Amino acid sequence: MTTSDKGGRAPGRRRTGGLSDSPLPDIDESGATDTPRVEAVISATMRRYRGVTPAALARYFEAVHQELGPLARELEREVSVLTARVRQLEEENARLRASSAGVAEPRPANGGDDASLRR
């Protein structure tokens, strides 16, 4: 295929992990990922917790999970805020299209007034 492989990704990119239904990040041939904040936390933790013994690996895994927890919560909050903003913009777009076509304007899904959509 010329523009993508069977997974719909650009050539030279591979899917990480083993869960086929999981929205895992793509990694290109240079090692760059779509998740720079997560990768930075993991790299910094790996530098602090070196070693290959079972005890060293256990300390690393505990530390990396302690570091990733707050980041995961922060990312979830960002996704929630951005998702709400996308919905607002979609509603505003629908109203603008309806008004330009001479159709009655739909009401916002949140029941609020138009002022809630303006920033």
Protein backbone atom coordinates (compact mmCIF):
# COMPACT_ATOMS: atom_id res chain seq x y z
CA MET A 1 0.00 0.00 0.00
CA THR A 2 1.25 3.48 -0.74
CA THR A 3 -0.05 5.72 2.04
CA SER A 4 -0.71 3.36 4.92
CA ASP A 5 -0.34 -0.17 6.14
CA LYS A 6 -3.22 -2.45 7.10
CA GLY A 7 -3.70 -0.54 10.37
CA GLY A 8 -4.34 2.76 8.61
CA ARG A 9 -1.07 4.24 9.88
CA ALA A 10 1.49 6.03 7.76
CA PRO A 11 4.38 3.93 6.45
CA GLY A 12 7.21 3.56 8.95
CA ARG A 13 4.93 3.70 11.98
CA ARG A 14 4.09 0.76 14.18
CA ARG A 15 1.50 0.14 16.85
CA THR A 16 2.81 -0.39 20.38
CA GLY A 17 1.43 -2.80 22.93
CA GLY A 18 -0.65 -5.90 22.43
CA LEU A 19 -4.27 -4.80 22.82
CA SER A 20 -5.84 -4.54 19.38
CA ASP A 21 -8.79 -2.40 20.54
CA SER A 22 -6.64 -0.05 22.60
CA PRO A 23 -5.93 3.48 21.26
CA LEU A 24 -2.19 3.07 21.78
CA PRO A 25 0.25 5.69 20.49
CA ASP A 26 2.10 5.21 17.24
CA ILE A 27 5.89 5.14 17.30
CA ASP A 28 7.79 6.16 14.19
CA GLU A 29 11.14 4.72 13.14
CA SER A 30 13.03 7.43 15.05
CA GLY A 31 11.35 6.38 18.31
CA ALA A 32 9.24 9.56 18.57
CA THR A 33 5.77 9.04 19.99
CA ASP A 34 2.47 10.87 20.15
CA THR A 35 2.74 10.92 23.98
CA PRO A 36 5.70 13.13 24.90
CA ARG A 37 4.62 13.86 28.49
CA VAL A 38 4.13 10.18 29.32
CA GLU A 39 7.42 9.25 27.67
CA ALA A 40 9.23 11.99 29.61
CA VAL A 41 7.91 10.67 32.93
CA ILE A 42 8.90 7.11 32.05
CA SER A 43 12.38 8.15 30.88
CA ALA A 44 13.05 10.25 33.97
CA THR A 45 11.91 7.41 36.24
CA MET A 46 14.07 4.90 34.35
CA ARG A 47 17.12 7.13 34.89
CA ARG A 48 16.43 7.28 38.64
CA TYR A 49 15.76 3.54 39.04
CA ARG A 50 18.44 1.58 37.21
CA GLY A 51 19.05 -2.10 37.57
CA VAL A 52 17.80 -5.42 36.30
CA THR A 53 17.38 -7.40 39.50
CA PRO A 54 13.83 -8.29 40.50
CA ALA A 55 14.05 -5.88 43.46
CA ALA A 56 15.29 -3.01 41.24
CA LEU A 57 12.57 -3.65 38.69
CA ALA A 58 9.94 -3.72 41.44
CA ARG A 59 11.14 -0.33 42.73
CA TYR A 60 11.07 1.07 39.18
CA PHE A 61 7.55 -0.21 38.46
CA GLU A 62 6.24 1.19 41.75
CA ALA A 63 7.88 4.56 41.11
CA VAL A 64 6.71 4.85 37.50
CA HIS A 65 3.13 4.06 38.51
CA GLN A 66 3.29 6.67 41.27
CA GLU A 67 4.50 9.23 38.72
CA LEU A 68 2.04 8.30 35.96
CA GLY A 69 -1.06 8.43 38.20
CA PRO A 70 -1.16 12.24 38.56
CA LEU A 71 -0.29 12.70 34.89
CA ALA A 72 -3.13 10.38 33.87
CA ARG A 73 -5.59 12.39 35.98
CA GLU A 74 -4.30 15.65 34.45
CA LEU A 75 -4.68 14.25 30.94
CA GLU A 76 -8.23 13.05 31.72
CA ARG A 77 -9.16 16.57 32.90
CA GLU A 78 -7.70 18.07 29.71
CA VAL A 79 -9.64 15.60 27.56
CA SER A 80 -12.85 16.46 29.41
CA VAL A 81 -12.36 20.22 28.93
CA LEU A 82 -11.41 19.86 25.27
CA THR A 83 -14.30 17.48 24.56
CA ALA A 84 -16.76 19.95 26.07
CA ARG A 85 -15.27 22.76 23.97
CA VAL A 86 -15.52 20.66 20.79
CA ARG A 87 -19.21 20.02 21.55
CA GLN A 88 -19.78 23.74 22.03
CA LEU A 89 -18.09 24.54 18.74
CA GLU A 90 -20.08 21.84 16.94
CA GLU A 91 -23.32 23.31 18.30
CA GLU A 92 -22.25 26.82 17.29
CA ASN A 93 -21.32 25.55 13.83
CA ALA A 94 -24.72 23.86 13.47
CA ARG A 95 -26.49 27.09 14.46
CA LEU A 96 -24.43 29.14 12.01
CA ARG A 97 -25.13 26.70 9.18
CA ALA A 98 -28.83 26.63 10.03
CA SER A 99 -29.07 30.41 10.18
CA SER A 100 -27.28 30.82 6.85
CA ALA A 101 -29.66 28.28 5.29
CA GLY A 102 -32.71 30.01 6.74
CA VAL A 103 -33.57 27.09 9.05
CA ALA A 104 -34.66 27.53 12.66
CA GLU A 105 -31.64 27.40 14.96
CA PRO A 106 -31.21 24.29 17.14
CA ARG A 107 -30.99 24.81 20.90
CA PRO A 108 -27.71 24.03 22.70
CA ALA A 109 -27.60 20.48 24.07
CA ASN A 110 -26.76 21.80 27.53
CA GLY A 111 -29.92 23.92 27.61
CA GLY A 112 -27.82 27.06 28.12
CA ASP A 113 -27.97 30.27 26.22
CA ASP A 114 -25.65 31.29 23.41
CA ALA A 115 -23.51 33.33 25.81
CA SER A 116 -22.12 30.07 27.25
CA LEU A 117 -20.53 29.37 23.86
CA ARG A 118 -18.72 32.68 23.51
CA ARG A 119 -15.30 33.27 25.00
